[in-house]
Amino acid sequence: MNPWKTWKTQFDAWEGATAALLDQVLQSPLVLGPAGTMLTKAMKAKAEADKHANAAWAAAGGATRHDQERTLHAVHQVGSRLIDLEEELASQRQLIEALHAEVRELRVASPAPAPASKPRTRRKTAAKT
């Protein structure tokens, strides 16, 4: 017989029996009542400790949670405005590119006249004597 299979079957049987028993124990009012009371008291103690820690931190000049949340909100607003400005800039660039393309098409369709040249003047030559 394979030792692994033997161990596995025995483990599965033990796990099933233990899980059923543990479910019954944990659902018992004798366990749930005191556990709930302990959890409630622990949460109240944590809230009180957090309150005192925040007060001590604020007294020392550190940023409180409210300060941090307010700053984070401002950072998010600035980020949102930056995204809006980037989108506006992109649309303006597209508009400028379209205008440049239109100007190029107009230049190709009607070439610019040649620049007017200065009228030629005759050089006066010195009279031969």
Protein backbone atom coordinates (compact mmCIF):
# COMPACT_ATOMS: atom_id res chain seq x y z
CA MET A 1 0.00 0.00 0.00
CA ASN A 2 1.12 3.55 -0.78
CA PRO A 3 1.98 5.52 2.40
CA TRP A 4 1.01 8.80 0.78
CA LYS A 5 -2.51 7.60 -0.04
CA THR A 6 -2.95 6.23 3.47
CA TRP A 7 -1.84 9.50 5.04
CA LYS A 8 -4.02 11.53 2.65
CA THR A 9 -7.20 9.56 3.41
CA GLN A 10 -6.61 9.79 7.15
CA PHE A 11 -5.87 13.51 6.93
CA ASP A 12 -9.03 14.14 4.90
CA ALA A 13 -11.11 12.23 7.48
CA TRP A 14 -9.54 14.18 10.37
CA GLU A 15 -10.03 17.51 8.56
CA GLY A 16 -13.71 16.79 7.87
CA ALA A 17 -14.44 15.80 11.48
CA THR A 18 -12.50 18.76 12.87
CA ALA A 19 -14.20 21.26 10.55
CA ALA A 20 -17.67 20.01 11.56
CA LEU A 21 -16.82 20.18 15.26
CA LEU A 22 -15.23 23.62 14.97
CA ASP A 23 -18.30 24.95 13.14
CA GLN A 24 -20.53 23.80 16.00
CA VAL A 25 -18.23 25.30 18.64
CA LEU A 26 -17.84 28.66 16.88
CA GLN A 27 -21.61 29.00 16.32
CA SER A 28 -22.35 28.34 19.99
CA PRO A 29 -23.68 31.31 21.97
CA LEU A 30 -21.23 30.41 24.73
CA VAL A 31 -18.40 31.35 22.36
CA LEU A 32 -20.05 34.08 20.26
CA GLY A 33 -21.21 36.24 23.20
CA PRO A 34 -17.83 36.69 24.91
CA ALA A 35 -16.01 36.92 21.56
CA GLY A 36 -18.34 39.73 20.43
CA THR A 37 -17.86 41.56 23.72
CA MET A 38 -14.09 41.26 23.47
CA LEU A 39 -14.14 42.50 19.87
CA THR A 40 -16.31 45.49 20.79
CA LYS A 41 -14.03 46.46 23.68
CA ALA A 42 -10.93 46.02 21.53
CA MET A 43 -12.37 48.29 18.82
CA LYS A 44 -13.31 50.96 21.40
CA ALA A 45 -9.81 50.80 22.89
CA LYS A 46 -8.28 51.15 19.42
CA ALA A 47 -10.50 54.14 18.61
CA GLU A 48 -9.50 55.81 21.89
CA ALA A 49 -5.81 55.11 21.26
CA ASP A 50 -6.08 56.52 17.73
CA LYS A 51 -7.77 59.64 19.05
CA HIS A 52 -4.99 60.23 21.59
CA ALA A 53 -2.28 59.50 19.01
CA ASN A 54 -3.82 61.99 16.57
CA ALA A 55 -4.07 64.63 19.30
CA ALA A 56 -0.43 64.12 20.30
CA TRP A 57 0.67 64.25 16.67
CA ALA A 58 -1.29 67.45 16.03
CA ALA A 59 0.12 69.01 19.22
CA ALA A 60 3.63 68.21 17.97
CA GLY A 61 2.85 70.07 14.73
CA GLY A 62 2.42 67.08 12.45
CA ALA A 63 -0.23 66.82 9.78
CA THR A 64 -3.40 65.18 11.02
CA ARG A 65 -5.41 62.72 8.99
CA HIS A 66 -7.84 65.51 8.08
CA ASP A 67 -4.93 67.67 6.87
CA GLN A 68 -3.59 64.80 4.78
CA GLU A 69 -7.00 64.10 3.25
CA ARG A 70 -7.48 67.79 2.43
CA THR A 71 -4.04 67.93 0.80
CA LEU A 72 -4.70 64.75 -1.14
CA HIS A 73 -7.99 66.19 -2.39
CA ALA A 74 -6.18 69.33 -3.59
CA VAL A 75 -3.56 67.20 -5.34
CA HIS A 76 -6.31 65.26 -7.12
CA GLN A 77 -7.96 68.51 -8.21
CA VAL A 78 -4.68 69.81 -9.62
CA GLY A 79 -4.14 66.52 -11.42
CA SER A 80 -7.61 66.71 -12.92
CA ARG A 81 -7.03 70.27 -14.09
CA LEU A 82 -3.69 69.24 -15.60
CA ILE A 83 -5.38 66.46 -17.58
CA ASP A 84 -7.99 68.97 -18.82
CA LEU A 85 -5.24 71.38 -19.90
CA GLU A 86 -3.34 68.60 -21.69
CA GLU A 87 -6.50 67.68 -23.61
CA GLU A 88 -7.09 71.33 -24.51
CA LEU A 89 -3.48 71.69 -25.64
CA ALA A 90 -3.79 68.60 -27.82
CA SER A 91 -6.93 69.94 -29.48
CA GLN A 92 -5.23 73.33 -30.08
CA ARG A 93 -2.24 71.57 -31.64
CA GLN A 94 -4.55 69.65 -33.96
CA LEU A 95 -6.23 72.91 -34.97
CA ILE A 96 -2.87 74.55 -35.66
CA GLU A 97 -1.74 71.56 -37.73
CA ALA A 98 -4.95 71.72 -39.76
CA LEU A 99 -4.39 75.44 -40.39
CA HIS A 100 -0.79 74.81 -41.45
CA ALA A 101 -1.94 72.11 -43.86
CA GLU A 102 -4.54 74.47 -45.32
CA VAL A 103 -1.92 77.20 -45.80
CA ARG A 104 0.39 74.70 -47.53
CA GLU A 105 -2.40 73.66 -49.89
CA LEU A 106 -3.12 77.31 -50.72
CA ARG A 107 0.54 77.97 -51.47
CA VAL A 108 0.72 74.98 -53.80
CA ALA A 109 -2.54 75.91 -55.55
CA SER A 110 -1.54 79.53 -56.22
CA PRO A 111 2.19 80.09 -56.24
CA ALA A 112 3.34 83.45 -55.00
CA PRO A 113 4.26 86.02 -57.64
CA ALA A 114 7.93 86.58 -58.27
CA PRO A 115 9.31 89.50 -56.33
CA ALA A 116 9.43 92.67 -58.37
CA SER A 117 12.91 93.53 -59.48
CA LYS A 118 14.35 97.01 -59.47
CA PRO A 119 14.18 98.78 -62.80
CA ARG A 120 17.49 98.70 -64.56
CA THR A 121 19.26 101.94 -64.88
CA ARG A 122 21.95 102.52 -67.41
CA ARG A 123 25.32 103.23 -66.15
CA LYS A 124 26.69 106.42 -67.23
CA THR A 125 29.94 105.96 -68.95
CA ALA A 126 32.53 108.57 -68.86
CA ALA A 127 32.89 110.38 -72.13
CA LYS A 128 35.98 109.59 -74.06
CA THR A 129 38.15 112.58 -74.64
